Amino acid sequence: MRQAVRDAVHDELAAHAHASAAVDDDPQRLLSLTDTAKRLGVSRSQVYTLIQSHELPAIKVGDVWRVPVDGLRAWITRQLVERTK
């Protein structure tokens, strides 16, 4: 399933290659799963799967997950680099 999620994310990243630039300028901002999913063009469940597999950096605040903007940018960059190898 992780490969399917990666493929889906890659397809969306290809369509939104500027996604990391579109993310808020504040590198310390924490995004909700919904915001992260919207920015990547995938479902919340796909974002949650990436978090659970430790592929996408996230922290738990109380009982909700948050994705740091810096972590999202780094993850997008890694995905793009891995696809060009």
C-alpha atoms as a PDB file:
ATOM      1  CA  MET A   1       0.000   0.000   0.000  1.00  0.00           C
ATOM      2  CA  ARG A   2       2.833   2.393   0.727  1.00  0.00           C
ATOM      3  CA  GLN A   3       3.958   2.182  -2.913  1.00  0.00           C
ATOM      4  CA  ALA A   4       0.446   3.038  -4.066  1.00  0.00           C
ATOM      5  CA  VAL A   5       0.411   6.036  -1.735  1.00  0.00           C
ATOM      6  CA  ARG A   6       3.833   7.130  -2.979  1.00  0.00           C
ATOM      7  CA  ASP A   7       2.685   6.799  -6.585  1.00  0.00           C
ATOM      8  CA  ALA A   8      -0.469   8.801  -5.910  1.00  0.00           C
ATOM      9  CA  VAL A   9       1.539  11.488  -4.147  1.00  0.00           C
ATOM     10  CA  HIS A  10       4.106  11.563  -6.942  1.00  0.00           C
ATOM     11  CA  ASP A  11       1.374  12.045  -9.533  1.00  0.00           C
ATOM     12  CA  GLU A  12      -0.027  14.947  -7.542  1.00  0.00           C
ATOM     13  CA  LEU A  13       3.423  16.429  -6.962  1.00  0.00           C
ATOM     14  CA  ALA A  14       4.096  16.356 -10.670  1.00  0.00           C
ATOM     15  CA  ALA A  15       0.906  18.340 -11.174  1.00  0.00           C
ATOM     16  CA  HIS A  16       1.796  20.703  -8.314  1.00  0.00           C
ATOM     17  CA  ALA A  17       5.572  20.959  -8.594  1.00  0.00           C
ATOM     18  CA  HIS A  18       5.468  24.392  -7.011  1.00  0.00           C
ATOM     19  CA  ALA A  19       3.667  23.053  -3.910  1.00  0.00           C
ATOM     20  CA  SER A  20       6.605  23.710  -1.617  1.00  0.00           C
ATOM     21  CA  ALA A  21       6.735  27.346  -2.704  1.00  0.00           C
ATOM     22  CA  ALA A  22       3.000  27.661  -2.108  1.00  0.00           C
ATOM     23  CA  VAL A  23       3.327  26.520   1.490  1.00  0.00           C
ATOM     24  CA  ASP A  24       3.187  29.310   4.041  1.00  0.00           C
ATOM     25  CA  ASP A  25       6.436  31.271   4.451  1.00  0.00           C
ATOM     26  CA  ASP A  26       6.594  30.607   8.205  1.00  0.00           C
ATOM     27  CA  PRO A  27       8.829  27.512   8.504  1.00  0.00           C
ATOM     28  CA  GLN A  28       7.635  26.881  12.055  1.00  0.00           C
ATOM     29  CA  ARG A  29       3.951  26.772  11.115  1.00  0.00           C
ATOM     30  CA  LEU A  30       2.168  23.497  11.752  1.00  0.00           C
ATOM     31  CA  LEU A  31      -0.334  22.282   9.165  1.00  0.00           C
ATOM     32  CA  SER A  32      -3.366  20.127   9.874  1.00  0.00           C
ATOM     33  CA  LEU A  33      -3.765  16.862   7.989  1.00  0.00           C
ATOM     34  CA  THR A  34      -6.513  18.513   5.956  1.00  0.00           C
ATOM     35  CA  ASP A  35      -4.256  21.440   4.989  1.00  0.00           C
ATOM     36  CA  THR A  36      -1.399  19.070   4.172  1.00  0.00           C
ATOM     37  CA  ALA A  37      -3.677  16.886   2.057  1.00  0.00           C
ATOM     38  CA  LYS A  38      -4.995  19.924   0.167  1.00  0.00           C
ATOM     39  CA  ARG A  39      -1.491  21.180  -0.545  1.00  0.00           C
ATOM     40  CA  LEU A  40      -0.433  17.760  -1.852  1.00  0.00           C
ATOM     41  CA  GLY A  41      -3.699  17.067  -3.651  1.00  0.00           C
ATOM     42  CA  VAL A  42      -4.254  13.766  -1.833  1.00  0.00           C
ATOM     43  CA  SER A  43      -6.677  12.489   0.803  1.00  0.00           C
ATOM     44  CA  ARG A  44      -6.277  12.923   4.554  1.00  0.00           C
ATOM     45  CA  SER A  45      -5.982   9.147   4.860  1.00  0.00           C
ATOM     46  CA  GLN A  46      -3.015   9.153   2.460  1.00  0.00           C
ATOM     47  CA  VAL A  47      -1.318  11.830   4.580  1.00  0.00           C
ATOM     48  CA  TYR A  48      -2.034   9.799   7.716  1.00  0.00           C
ATOM     49  CA  THR A  49      -0.528   6.689   6.064  1.00  0.00           C
ATOM     50  CA  LEU A  50       2.645   8.656   5.265  1.00  0.00           C
ATOM     51  CA  ILE A  51       2.838   9.857   8.867  1.00  0.00           C
ATOM     52  CA  GLN A  52       2.292   6.375  10.303  1.00  0.00           C
ATOM     53  CA  SER A  53       5.026   4.950   8.051  1.00  0.00           C
ATOM     54  CA  HIS A  54       7.387   7.710   9.286  1.00  0.00           C
ATOM     55  CA  GLU A  55       7.883   8.964   5.736  1.00  0.00           C
ATOM     56  CA  LEU A  56       6.282  12.358   6.370  1.00  0.00           C
ATOM     57  CA  PRO A  57       7.486  14.170   9.480  1.00  0.00           C
ATOM     58  CA  ALA A  58       4.729  15.089  11.898  1.00  0.00           C
ATOM     59  CA  ILE A  59       4.126  15.732  15.564  1.00  0.00           C
ATOM     60  CA  LYS A  60       1.144  14.989  17.719  1.00  0.00           C
ATOM     61  CA  VAL A  61      -0.333  17.972  19.533  1.00  0.00           C
ATOM     62  CA  GLY A  62      -2.791  16.636  22.052  1.00  0.00           C
ATOM     63  CA  ASP A  63      -4.662  14.053  20.056  1.00  0.00           C
ATOM     64  CA  VAL A  64      -4.249  15.599  16.586  1.00  0.00           C
ATOM     65  CA  TRP A  65      -1.391  15.285  14.106  1.00  0.00           C
ATOM     66  CA  ARG A  66       0.364  18.353  12.704  1.00  0.00           C
ATOM     67  CA  VAL A  67       2.877  18.560   9.858  1.00  0.00           C
ATOM     68  CA  PRO A  68       5.598  21.209  10.139  1.00  0.00           C
ATOM     69  CA  VAL A  69       5.930  23.369   7.015  1.00  0.00           C
ATOM     70  CA  ASP A  70       9.698  22.688   6.963  1.00  0.00           C
ATOM     71  CA  GLY A  71       9.027  18.952   7.168  1.00  0.00           C
ATOM     72  CA  LEU A  72       6.570  19.109   4.283  1.00  0.00           C
ATOM     73  CA  ARG A  73       9.006  21.092   2.147  1.00  0.00           C
ATOM     74  CA  ALA A  74      11.816  18.630   2.904  1.00  0.00           C
ATOM     75  CA  TRP A  75       9.573  15.661   2.131  1.00  0.00           C
ATOM     76  CA  ILE A  76       8.496  17.180  -1.204  1.00  0.00           C
ATOM     77  CA  THR A  77      12.127  17.809  -2.130  1.00  0.00           C
ATOM     78  CA  ARG A  78      13.083  14.210  -1.228  1.00  0.00           C
ATOM     79  CA  GLN A  79      10.228  12.858  -3.345  1.00  0.00           C
ATOM     80  CA  LEU A  80      11.297  14.910  -6.339  1.00  0.00           C
ATOM     81  CA  VAL A  81      14.957  13.936  -5.939  1.00  0.00           C
ATOM     82  CA  GLU A  82      14.136  10.228  -5.550  1.00  0.00           C
ATOM     83  CA  ARG A  83      12.053  10.285  -8.740  1.00  0.00           C
ATOM     84  CA  THR A  84      14.910  11.780 -10.736  1.00  0.00           C
ATOM     85  CA  LYS A  85      17.379   9.076  -9.720  1.00  0.00           C
END
